[in-house]
Amino acid sequence: SHETQIQRKVWLMALRSVLSAKYAQDQLVIVDNMEIDSHKTGELSRM
């Protein structure tokens, strides 16, 4: 097993850092919901 150990506070701080980087680079999008009417792949790709 290649499993290693890490502190939970370190993991939480890293997740905050990634979310903050996405927000600062305008790559974080917040939407009201993700419900769509069609299950077609082409329509989602076009959207």
All heavy atoms as atom14 arrays in JSON, in Angstrom:
{
  "sequence": "SHETQIQRKVWLMALRSVLSAKYAQDQLVIVDNMEIDSHKTGELSRM",
  "atom14_mask": [
    [1, 1, 1, 1, 1, 1, 0, 0, 0, 0, 0, 0, 0, 0],
    [1, 1, 1, 1, 1, 1, 1, 1, 1, 1, 0, 0, 0, 0],
    [1, 1, 1, 1, 1, 1, 1, 1, 1, 0, 0, 0, 0, 0],
    [1, 1, 1, 1, 1, 1, 1, 0, 0, 0, 0, 0, 0, 0],
    [1, 1, 1, 1, 1, 1, 1, 1, 1, 0, 0, 0, 0, 0],
    [1, 1, 1, 1, 1, 1, 1, 1, 0, 0, 0, 0, 0, 0],
    [1, 1, 1, 1, 1, 1, 1, 1, 1, 0, 0, 0, 0, 0],
    [1, 1, 1, 1, 1, 1, 1, 1, 1, 1, 1, 0, 0, 0],
    [1, 1, 1, 1, 1, 1, 1, 1, 1, 0, 0, 0, 0, 0],
    [1, 1, 1, 1, 1, 1, 1, 0, 0, 0, 0, 0, 0, 0],
    [1, 1, 1, 1, 1, 1, 1, 1, 1, 1, 1, 1, 1, 1],
    [1, 1, 1, 1, 1, 1, 1, 1, 0, 0, 0, 0, 0, 0],
    [1, 1, 1, 1, 1, 1, 1, 1, 0, 0, 0, 0, 0, 0],
    [1, 1, 1, 1, 1, 0, 0, 0, 0, 0, 0, 0, 0, 0],
    [1, 1, 1, 1, 1, 1, 1, 1, 0, 0, 0, 0, 0, 0],
    [1, 1, 1, 1, 1, 1, 1, 1, 1, 1, 1, 0, 0, 0],
    [1, 1, 1, 1, 1, 1, 0, 0, 0, 0, 0, 0, 0, 0],
    [1, 1, 1, 1, 1, 1, 1, 0, 0, 0, 0, 0, 0, 0],
    [1, 1, 1, 1, 1, 1, 1, 1, 0, 0, 0, 0, 0, 0],
    [1, 1, 1, 1, 1, 1, 0, 0, 0, 0, 0, 0, 0, 0],
    [1, 1, 1, 1, 1, 0, 0, 0, 0, 0, 0, 0, 0, 0],
    [1, 1, 1, 1, 1, 1, 1, 1, 1, 0, 0, 0, 0, 0],
    [1, 1, 1, 1, 1, 1, 1, 1, 1, 1, 1, 1, 0, 0],
    [1, 1, 1, 1, 1, 0, 0, 0, 0, 0, 0, 0, 0, 0],
    [1, 1, 1, 1, 1, 1, 1, 1, 1, 0, 0, 0, 0, 0],
    [1, 1, 1, 1, 1, 1, 1, 1, 0, 0, 0, 0, 0, 0],
    [1, 1, 1, 1, 1, 1, 1, 1, 1, 0, 0, 0, 0, 0],
    [1, 1, 1, 1, 1, 1, 1, 1, 0, 0, 0, 0, 0, 0],
    [1, 1, 1, 1, 1, 1, 1, 0, 0, 0, 0, 0, 0, 0],
    [1, 1, 1, 1, 1, 1, 1, 1, 0, 0, 0, 0, 0, 0],
    [1, 1, 1, 1, 1, 1, 1, 0, 0, 0, 0, 0, 0, 0],
    [1, 1, 1, 1, 1, 1, 1, 1, 0, 0, 0, 0, 0, 0],
    [1, 1, 1, 1, 1, 1, 1, 1, 0, 0, 0, 0, 0, 0],
    [1, 1, 1, 1, 1, 1, 1, 1, 0, 0, 0, 0, 0, 0],
    [1, 1, 1, 1, 1, 1, 1, 1, 1, 0, 0, 0, 0, 0],
    [1, 1, 1, 1, 1, 1, 1, 1, 0, 0, 0, 0, 0, 0],
    [1, 1, 1, 1, 1, 1, 1, 1, 0, 0, 0, 0, 0, 0],
    [1, 1, 1, 1, 1, 1, 0, 0, 0, 0, 0, 0, 0, 0],
    [1, 1, 1, 1, 1, 1, 1, 1, 1, 1, 0, 0, 0, 0],
    [1, 1, 1, 1, 1, 1, 1, 1, 1, 0, 0, 0, 0, 0],
    [1, 1, 1, 1, 1, 1, 1, 0, 0, 0, 0, 0, 0, 0],
    [1, 1, 1, 1, 0, 0, 0, 0, 0, 0, 0, 0, 0, 0],
    [1, 1, 1, 1, 1, 1, 1, 1, 1, 0, 0, 0, 0, 0],
    [1, 1, 1, 1, 1, 1, 1, 1, 0, 0, 0, 0, 0, 0],
    [1, 1, 1, 1, 1, 1, 0, 0, 0, 0, 0, 0, 0, 0],
    [1, 1, 1, 1, 1, 1, 1, 1, 1, 1, 1, 0, 0, 0],
    [1, 1, 1, 1, 1, 1, 1, 1, 0, 0, 0, 0, 0, 0]
  ],
  "atom14_positions": [
    [[0.84, -1.19, 0.0], [0.0, 0.0, 0.0], [0.88, 1.25, 0.0], [1.83, 1.35, 0.78], [-0.92, 0.01, 1.23], [-1.63, 1.23, 1.31], [0.0, 0.0, 0.0], [0.0, 0.0, 0.0], [0.0, 0.0, 0.0], [0.0, 0.0, 0.0], [0.0, 0.0, 0.0], [0.0, 0.0, 0.0], [0.0, 0.0, 0.0], [0.0, 0.0, 0.0]],
    [[0.54, 2.2, -0.86], [1.28, 3.46, -0.94], [0.62, 4.54, -0.09], [0.96, 5.72, -0.23], [1.36, 3.94, -2.38], [2.18, 3.05, -3.26], [3.53, 3.2, -3.44], [1.83, 1.95, -3.99], [3.99, 2.28, -4.25], [2.98, 1.5, -4.61], [0.0, 0.0, 0.0], [0.0, 0.0, 0.0], [0.0, 0.0, 0.0], [0.0, 0.0, 0.0]],
    [[-0.31, 4.16, 0.74], [-1.05, 5.13, 1.54], [-0.14, 5.86, 2.52], [0.72, 5.25, 3.15], [-2.17, 4.42, 2.3], [-3.0, 5.32, 3.19], [-4.04, 4.55, 3.97], [-4.19, 3.35, 3.7], [-4.71, 5.14, 4.83], [0.0, 0.0, 0.0], [0.0, 0.0, 0.0], [0.0, 0.0, 0.0], [0.0, 0.0, 0.0], [0.0, 0.0, 0.0]],
    [[-0.34, 7.17, 2.62], [0.39, 8.01, 3.58], [-0.62, 8.68, 4.5], [-1.83, 8.59, 4.29], [1.24, 9.06, 2.86], [0.4, 9.85, 2.01], [2.33, 8.4, 2.02], [0.0, 0.0, 0.0], [0.0, 0.0, 0.0], [0.0, 0.0, 0.0], [0.0, 0.0, 0.0], [0.0, 0.0, 0.0], [0.0, 0.0, 0.0], [0.0, 0.0, 0.0]],
    [[-0.12, 9.36, 5.49], [-0.97, 10.03, 6.47], [-0.8, 11.55, 6.34], [0.27, 12.04, 5.98], [-0.63, 9.6, 7.9], [-0.81, 8.11, 8.14], [-2.25, 7.68, 8.05], [-3.17, 8.46, 8.37], [-2.49, 6.45, 7.62], [0.0, 0.0, 0.0], [0.0, 0.0, 0.0], [0.0, 0.0, 0.0], [0.0, 0.0, 0.0], [0.0, 0.0, 0.0]],
    [[-1.88, 12.27, 6.63], [-1.84, 13.73, 6.61], [-2.84, 14.24, 7.64], [-3.86, 13.59, 7.91], [-2.14, 14.28, 5.2], [-1.66, 15.72, 5.07], [-3.61, 14.2, 4.88], [-1.68, 16.23, 3.66], [0.0, 0.0, 0.0], [0.0, 0.0, 0.0], [0.0, 0.0, 0.0], [0.0, 0.0, 0.0], [0.0, 0.0, 0.0], [0.0, 0.0, 0.0]],
    [[-2.55, 15.39, 8.21], [-3.43, 15.97, 9.22], [-4.68, 16.54, 8.56], [-4.63, 17.07, 7.44], [-2.71, 17.07, 10.01], [-1.56, 16.6, 10.84], [-0.27, 16.49, 10.04], [-0.28, 16.64, 8.84], [0.82, 16.24, 10.72], [0.0, 0.0, 0.0], [0.0, 0.0, 0.0], [0.0, 0.0, 0.0], [0.0, 0.0, 0.0], [0.0, 0.0, 0.0]],
    [[-5.8, 16.44, 9.24], [-7.05, 16.92, 8.69], [-7.02, 18.44, 8.48], [-7.55, 18.96, 7.48], [-8.22, 16.55, 9.61], [-9.56, 17.1, 9.14], [-10.72, 16.59, 9.94], [-11.96, 17.25, 9.57], [-12.69, 16.94, 8.5], [-12.28, 15.95, 7.71], [-13.81, 17.57, 8.23], [0.0, 0.0, 0.0], [0.0, 0.0, 0.0], [0.0, 0.0, 0.0]],
    [[-6.4, 19.18, 9.4], [-6.33, 20.63, 9.25], [-5.51, 21.03, 8.03], [-5.79, 22.04, 7.39], [-5.74, 21.26, 10.52], [-6.66, 21.17, 11.73], [-6.06, 21.9, 12.92], [-7.0, 21.84, 14.12], [-6.45, 22.56, 15.29], [0.0, 0.0, 0.0], [0.0, 0.0, 0.0], [0.0, 0.0, 0.0], [0.0, 0.0, 0.0], [0.0, 0.0, 0.0]],
    [[-4.49, 20.24, 7.7], [-3.7, 20.51, 6.5], [-4.56, 20.32, 5.26], [-4.53, 21.12, 4.31], [-2.45, 19.61, 6.47], [-1.69, 19.77, 5.16], [-1.53, 19.94, 7.64], [0.0, 0.0, 0.0], [0.0, 0.0, 0.0], [0.0, 0.0, 0.0], [0.0, 0.0, 0.0], [0.0, 0.0, 0.0], [0.0, 0.0, 0.0], [0.0, 0.0, 0.0]],
    [[-5.36, 19.24, 5.25], [-6.22, 18.97, 4.1], [-7.28, 20.08, 3.95], [-7.56, 20.53, 2.84], [-6.9, 17.62, 4.27], [-7.78, 17.24, 3.12], [-7.41, 16.67, 1.94], [-9.2, 17.44, 3.05], [-8.51, 16.5, 1.14], [-9.63, 16.96, 1.79], [-10.14, 17.97, 3.92], [-10.95, 16.98, 1.39], [-11.47, 18.0, 3.52], [-11.85, 17.51, 2.27]],
    [[-7.85, 20.54, 5.06], [-8.85, 21.6, 5.0], [-8.24, 22.9, 4.49], [-8.85, 23.63, 3.69], [-9.48, 21.81, 6.38], [-10.34, 20.66, 6.92], [-10.83, 20.99, 8.32], [-11.51, 20.38, 6.0], [0.0, 0.0, 0.0], [0.0, 0.0, 0.0], [0.0, 0.0, 0.0], [0.0, 0.0, 0.0], [0.0, 0.0, 0.0], [0.0, 0.0, 0.0]],
    [[-7.03, 23.22, 4.95], [-6.38, 24.45, 4.49], [-6.02, 24.37, 3.01], [-6.12, 25.37, 2.28], [-5.11, 24.71, 5.33], [-4.47, 26.05, 5.05], [-5.6, 27.42, 5.42], [-4.92, 28.74, 4.45], [0.0, 0.0, 0.0], [0.0, 0.0, 0.0], [0.0, 0.0, 0.0], [0.0, 0.0, 0.0], [0.0, 0.0, 0.0], [0.0, 0.0, 0.0]],
    [[-5.64, 23.2, 2.53], [-5.34, 23.04, 1.1], [-6.61, 23.2, 0.27], [-6.59, 23.8, -0.81], [-4.7, 21.67, 0.86], [0.0, 0.0, 0.0], [0.0, 0.0, 0.0], [0.0, 0.0, 0.0], [0.0, 0.0, 0.0], [0.0, 0.0, 0.0], [0.0, 0.0, 0.0], [0.0, 0.0, 0.0], [0.0, 0.0, 0.0], [0.0, 0.0, 0.0]],
    [[-7.74, 22.68, 0.76], [-9.0, 22.84, 0.03], [-9.43, 24.31, 0.01], [-9.93, 24.81, -1.01], [-10.08, 21.97, 0.68], [-11.42, 21.88, -0.06], [-11.21, 21.41, -1.49], [-12.36, 20.93, 0.68], [0.0, 0.0, 0.0], [0.0, 0.0, 0.0], [0.0, 0.0, 0.0], [0.0, 0.0, 0.0], [0.0, 0.0, 0.0], [0.0, 0.0, 0.0]],
    [[-9.21, 25.03, 1.12], [-9.5, 26.47, 1.11], [-8.6, 27.2, 0.1], [-9.04, 28.13, -0.58], [-9.28, 27.06, 2.5], [-10.25, 26.57, 3.55], [-10.13, 27.4, 4.82], [-10.7, 26.72, 5.97], [-10.0, 26.07, 6.89], [-8.69, 26.05, 6.82], [-10.6, 25.47, 7.89], [0.0, 0.0, 0.0], [0.0, 0.0, 0.0], [0.0, 0.0, 0.0]],
    [[-7.35, 26.79, 0.01], [-6.42, 27.44, -0.91], [-6.85, 27.23, -2.36], [-6.81, 28.16, -3.18], [-5.01, 26.89, -0.7], [-4.56, 27.13, 0.62], [0.0, 0.0, 0.0], [0.0, 0.0, 0.0], [0.0, 0.0, 0.0], [0.0, 0.0, 0.0], [0.0, 0.0, 0.0], [0.0, 0.0, 0.0], [0.0, 0.0, 0.0], [0.0, 0.0, 0.0]],
    [[-7.3, 26.02, -2.7], [-7.73, 25.75, -4.07], [-9.0, 26.53, -4.41], [-9.11, 27.12, -5.49], [-7.94, 24.24, -4.26], [-8.54, 23.95, -5.62], [-6.63, 23.5, -4.11], [0.0, 0.0, 0.0], [0.0, 0.0, 0.0], [0.0, 0.0, 0.0], [0.0, 0.0, 0.0], [0.0, 0.0, 0.0], [0.0, 0.0, 0.0], [0.0, 0.0, 0.0]],
    [[-9.95, 26.57, -3.49], [-11.18, 27.34, -3.74], [-10.88, 28.83, -3.85], [-11.48, 29.54, -4.67], [-12.19, 27.08, -2.62], [-12.75, 25.65, -2.53], [-13.69, 25.53, -1.34], [-13.47, 25.27, -3.81], [0.0, 0.0, 0.0], [0.0, 0.0, 0.0], [0.0, 0.0, 0.0], [0.0, 0.0, 0.0], [0.0, 0.0, 0.0], [0.0, 0.0, 0.0]],
    [[-9.95, 29.33, -3.03], [-9.58, 30.74, -3.11], [-8.88, 31.06, -4.43], [-9.1, 32.13, -5.0], [-8.68, 31.1, -1.92], [-9.33, 30.85, -0.69], [0.0, 0.0, 0.0], [0.0, 0.0, 0.0], [0.0, 0.0, 0.0], [0.0, 0.0, 0.0], [0.0, 0.0, 0.0], [0.0, 0.0, 0.0], [0.0, 0.0, 0.0], [0.0, 0.0, 0.0]],
    [[-8.06, 30.13, -4.92], [-7.41, 30.35, -6.21], [-8.42, 30.36, -7.34], [-8.33, 31.19, -8.26], [-6.36, 29.26, -6.44], [0.0, 0.0, 0.0], [0.0, 0.0, 0.0], [0.0, 0.0, 0.0], [0.0, 0.0, 0.0], [0.0, 0.0, 0.0], [0.0, 0.0, 0.0], [0.0, 0.0, 0.0], [0.0, 0.0, 0.0], [0.0, 0.0, 0.0]],
    [[-9.42, 29.48, -7.28], [-10.46, 29.49, -8.31], [-11.27, 30.79, -8.27], [-11.61, 31.36, -9.31], [-11.4, 28.3, -8.11], [-10.76, 26.94, -8.39], [-10.36, 26.79, -9.84], [-9.79, 25.42, -10.12], [-9.33, 25.27, -11.53], [0.0, 0.0, 0.0], [0.0, 0.0, 0.0], [0.0, 0.0, 0.0], [0.0, 0.0, 0.0], [0.0, 0.0, 0.0]],
    [[-11.56, 31.27, -7.07], [-12.3, 32.53, -6.94], [-11.47, 33.7, -7.46], [-11.98, 34.58, -8.16], [-12.7, 32.74, -5.49], [-13.42, 34.04, -5.23], [-14.8, 34.13, -5.39], [-12.73, 35.18, -4.82], [-15.47, 35.32, -5.17], [-13.39, 36.37, -4.58], [-14.76, 36.44, -4.77], [-15.41, 37.63, -4.54], [0.0, 0.0, 0.0], [0.0, 0.0, 0.0]],
    [[-10.18, 33.73, -7.13], [-9.33, 34.85, -7.56], [-9.12, 34.85, -9.06], [-8.98, 35.92, -9.67], [-7.98, 34.77, -6.83], [0.0, 0.0, 0.0], [0.0, 0.0, 0.0], [0.0, 0.0, 0.0], [0.0, 0.0, 0.0], [0.0, 0.0, 0.0], [0.0, 0.0, 0.0], [0.0, 0.0, 0.0], [0.0, 0.0, 0.0], [0.0, 0.0, 0.0]],
    [[-9.1, 33.68, -9.7], [-8.88, 33.6, -11.14], [-10.18, 33.63, -11.94], [-10.16, 33.39, -13.16], [-8.12, 32.3, -11.47], [-6.73, 32.27, -10.86], [-6.05, 30.92, -11.03], [-6.64, 29.99, -11.57], [-4.81, 30.82, -10.59], [0.0, 0.0, 0.0], [0.0, 0.0, 0.0], [0.0, 0.0, 0.0], [0.0, 0.0, 0.0], [0.0, 0.0, 0.0]],
    [[-11.3, 33.9, -11.28], [-12.61, 33.97, -11.92], [-12.97, 32.65, -12.6], [-13.57, 32.62, -13.68], [-12.65, 35.12, -12.94], [-14.08, 35.54, -13.26], [-14.99, 35.17, -12.5], [-14.29, 36.19, -14.3], [0.0, 0.0, 0.0], [0.0, 0.0, 0.0], [0.0, 0.0, 0.0], [0.0, 0.0, 0.0], [0.0, 0.0, 0.0], [0.0, 0.0, 0.0]],
    [[-12.59, 31.55, -11.97], [-12.91, 30.21, -12.49], [-13.89, 29.48, -11.58], [-14.12, 28.28, -11.76], [-11.62, 29.39, -12.64], [-10.66, 29.96, -13.66], [-9.36, 29.19, -13.73], [-9.09, 28.34, -12.88], [-8.55, 29.46, -14.74], [0.0, 0.0, 0.0], [0.0, 0.0, 0.0], [0.0, 0.0, 0.0], [0.0, 0.0, 0.0], [0.0, 0.0, 0.0]],
    [[-14.45, 30.17, -10.61], [-15.47, 29.61, -9.73], [-16.83, 30.17, -10.14], [-17.03, 31.38, -10.16], [-15.17, 29.96, -8.27], [-16.2, 29.51, -7.24], [-16.25, 28.0, -7.15], [-15.89, 30.11, -5.87], [0.0, 0.0, 0.0], [0.0, 0.0, 0.0], [0.0, 0.0, 0.0], [0.0, 0.0, 0.0], [0.0, 0.0, 0.0], [0.0, 0.0, 0.0]],
    [[-17.74, 29.27, -10.48], [-19.08, 29.65, -10.94], [-20.09, 29.1, -9.95], [-20.08, 27.89, -9.65], [-19.36, 29.13, -12.36], [-20.74, 29.59, -12.82], [-18.29, 29.59, -13.32], [0.0, 0.0, 0.0], [0.0, 0.0, 0.0], [0.0, 0.0, 0.0], [0.0, 0.0, 0.0], [0.0, 0.0, 0.0], [0.0, 0.0, 0.0], [0.0, 0.0, 0.0]],
    [[-20.95, 29.97, -9.43], [-22.0, 29.57, -8.49], [-23.34, 29.72, -9.21], [-23.64, 30.8, -9.74], [-21.97, 30.42, -7.22], [-20.59, 30.32, -6.55], [-23.05, 29.99, -6.25], [-20.42, 31.23, -5.36], [0.0, 0.0, 0.0], [0.0, 0.0, 0.0], [0.0, 0.0, 0.0], [0.0, 0.0, 0.0], [0.0, 0.0, 0.0], [0.0, 0.0, 0.0]],
    [[-24.12, 28.65, -9.25], [-25.41, 28.65, -9.93], [-26.5, 28.32, -8.92], [-26.23, 27.82, -7.83], [-25.42, 27.65, -11.11], [-24.38, 28.04, -12.15], [-25.16, 26.23, -10.61], [0.0, 0.0, 0.0], [0.0, 0.0, 0.0], [0.0, 0.0, 0.0], [0.0, 0.0, 0.0], [0.0, 0.0, 0.0], [0.0, 0.0, 0.0], [0.0, 0.0, 0.0]],
    [[-27.74, 28.62, -9.31], [-28.85, 28.33, -8.41], [-29.14, 26.84, -8.35], [-29.36, 26.27, -7.29], [-30.09, 29.12, -8.85], [-30.36, 28.94, -10.34], [-29.54, 28.31, -11.03], [-31.4, 29.45, -10.82], [0.0, 0.0, 0.0], [0.0, 0.0, 0.0], [0.0, 0.0, 0.0], [0.0, 0.0, 0.0], [0.0, 0.0, 0.0], [0.0, 0.0, 0.0]],
    [[-29.16, 26.16, -9.5], [-29.32, 24.7, -9.57], [-28.76, 24.22, -10.9], [-28.44, 25.03, -11.78], [-30.78, 24.28, -9.4], [-31.69, 24.89, -10.45], [-31.66, 24.53, -11.62], [-32.51, 25.87, -10.03], [0.0, 0.0, 0.0], [0.0, 0.0, 0.0], [0.0, 0.0, 0.0], [0.0, 0.0, 0.0], [0.0, 0.0, 0.0], [0.0, 0.0, 0.0]],
    [[-28.65, 22.91, -11.07], [-28.09, 22.32, -12.29], [-29.09, 21.41, -12.98], [-28.71, 20.43, -13.63], [-26.81, 21.55, -11.96], [-25.7, 22.38, -11.41], [-24.16, 21.47, -11.25], [-23.15, 22.66, -10.37], [0.0, 0.0, 0.0], [0.0, 0.0, 0.0], [0.0, 0.0, 0.0], [0.0, 0.0, 0.0], [0.0, 0.0, 0.0], [0.0, 0.0, 0.0]],
    [[-30.35, 21.71, -12.87], [-31.37, 20.9, -13.52], [-31.48, 21.32, -14.99], [-31.6, 22.51, -15.3], [-32.71, 21.08, -12.82], [-32.7, 20.66, -11.36], [-34.04, 20.89, -10.69], [-35.01, 21.23, -11.43], [-34.13, 20.75, -9.47], [0.0, 0.0, 0.0], [0.0, 0.0, 0.0], [0.0, 0.0, 0.0], [0.0, 0.0, 0.0], [0.0, 0.0, 0.0]],
    [[-31.43, 20.34, -15.88], [-31.59, 20.58, -17.32], [-32.74, 19.71, -17.81], [-33.08, 18.67, -17.22], [-30.3, 20.28, -18.09], [-29.82, 18.86, -17.85], [-29.21, 21.27, -17.71], [-28.57, 18.48, -18.65], [0.0, 0.0, 0.0], [0.0, 0.0, 0.0], [0.0, 0.0, 0.0], [0.0, 0.0, 0.0], [0.0, 0.0, 0.0], [0.0, 0.0, 0.0]],
    [[-33.33, 20.13, -18.95], [-34.52, 19.45, -19.46], [-34.19, 18.23, -20.31], [-34.99, 17.31, -20.39], [-35.36, 20.44, -20.29], [-35.83, 21.61, -19.45], [-36.01, 21.43, -18.22], [-35.99, 22.72, -20.01], [0.0, 0.0, 0.0], [0.0, 0.0, 0.0], [0.0, 0.0, 0.0], [0.0, 0.0, 0.0], [0.0, 0.0, 0.0], [0.0, 0.0, 0.0]],
    [[-33.04, 18.22, -20.96], [-32.71, 17.14, -21.89], [-31.5, 16.36, -21.4], [-30.63, 16.89, -20.71], [-32.43, 17.72, -23.29], [-32.01, 16.7, -24.17], [0.0, 0.0, 0.0], [0.0, 0.0, 0.0], [0.0, 0.0, 0.0], [0.0, 0.0, 0.0], [0.0, 0.0, 0.0], [0.0, 0.0, 0.0], [0.0, 0.0, 0.0], [0.0, 0.0, 0.0]],
    [[-31.46, 15.1, -21.77], [-30.32, 14.25, -21.44], [-29.37, 14.08, -22.62], [-28.48, 13.24, -22.59], [-30.81, 12.86, -20.99], [-31.52, 12.11, -22.07], [-32.85, 12.33, -22.38], [-31.09, 11.16, -22.94], [-33.21, 11.53, -23.36], [-32.16, 10.8, -23.73], [0.0, 0.0, 0.0], [0.0, 0.0, 0.0], [0.0, 0.0, 0.0], [0.0, 0.0, 0.0]],
    [[-29.55, 14.9, -23.67], [-28.72, 14.8, -24.87], [-27.33, 15.39, -24.6], [-27.19, 16.5, -24.05], [-29.36, 15.55, -26.03], [-30.71, 14.96, -26.48], [-30.5, 13.57, -27.09], [-31.81, 13.04, -27.64], [-31.65, 11.71, -28.27], [0.0, 0.0, 0.0], [0.0, 0.0, 0.0], [0.0, 0.0, 0.0], [0.0, 0.0, 0.0], [0.0, 0.0, 0.0]],
    [[-26.33, 14.65, -25.03], [-24.95, 15.12, -24.84], [-24.67, 16.35, -25.68], [-23.96, 17.27, -25.25], [-23.97, 13.99, -25.21], [-24.22, 12.86, -24.39], [-22.54, 14.44, -25.01], [0.0, 0.0, 0.0], [0.0, 0.0, 0.0], [0.0, 0.0, 0.0], [0.0, 0.0, 0.0], [0.0, 0.0, 0.0], [0.0, 0.0, 0.0], [0.0, 0.0, 0.0]],
    [[-25.21, 16.41, -26.88], [-24.95, 17.55, -27.76], [-25.48, 18.85, -27.19], [-24.83, 19.9, -27.31], [0.0, 0.0, 0.0], [0.0, 0.0, 0.0], [0.0, 0.0, 0.0], [0.0, 0.0, 0.0], [0.0, 0.0, 0.0], [0.0, 0.0, 0.0], [0.0, 0.0, 0.0], [0.0, 0.0, 0.0], [0.0, 0.0, 0.0], [0.0, 0.0, 0.0]],
    [[-26.63, 18.82, -26.55], [-27.19, 20.05, -25.99], [-26.37, 20.54, -24.79], [-26.15, 21.74, -24.64], [-28.63, 19.8, -25.57], [-29.56, 19.5, -26.74], [-31.0, 19.43, -26.31], [-31.28, 19.76, -25.13], [-31.86, 19.06, -27.14], [0.0, 0.0, 0.0], [0.0, 0.0, 0.0], [0.0, 0.0, 0.0], [0.0, 0.0, 0.0], [0.0, 0.0, 0.0]],
    [[-25.9, 19.62, -23.95], [-25.05, 20.04, -22.84], [-23.72, 20.58, -23.34], [-23.2, 21.57, -22.83], [-24.82, 18.87, -21.88], [-23.91, 19.15, -20.68], [-24.48, 20.27, -19.81], [-23.7, 17.89, -19.85], [0.0, 0.0, 0.0], [0.0, 0.0, 0.0], [0.0, 0.0, 0.0], [0.0, 0.0, 0.0], [0.0, 0.0, 0.0], [0.0, 0.0, 0.0]],
    [[-23.16, 19.93, -24.37], [-21.89, 20.42, -24.93], [-22.07, 21.79, -25.55], [-21.19, 22.67, -25.41], [-21.38, 19.41, -25.96], [-20.18, 19.86, -26.52], [0.0, 0.0, 0.0], [0.0, 0.0, 0.0], [0.0, 0.0, 0.0], [0.0, 0.0, 0.0], [0.0, 0.0, 0.0], [0.0, 0.0, 0.0], [0.0, 0.0, 0.0], [0.0, 0.0, 0.0]],
    [[-23.2, 22.01, -26.22], [-23.47, 23.33, -26.82], [-23.67, 24.38, -25.73], [-23.21, 25.53, -25.87], [-24.71, 23.23, -27.71], [-24.94, 24.45, -28.59], [-26.18, 24.29, -29.45], [-26.12, 23.05, -30.22], [-26.86, 21.97, -29.96], [-27.73, 21.99, -28.95], [-26.77, 20.88, -30.7], [0.0, 0.0, 0.0], [0.0, 0.0, 0.0], [0.0, 0.0, 0.0]],
    [[-24.3, 24.02, -24.62], [-24.51, 24.97, -23.54], [-23.19, 25.37, -22.89], [-22.97, 26.55, -22.57], [-25.45, 24.36, -22.5], [-25.84, 25.31, -21.37], [-26.82, 24.5, -20.1], [-25.6, 23.4, -19.4], [0.0, 0.0, 0.0], [0.0, 0.0, 0.0], [0.0, 0.0, 0.0], [0.0, 0.0, 0.0], [0.0, 0.0, 0.0], [0.0, 0.0, 0.0]]
  ]
}
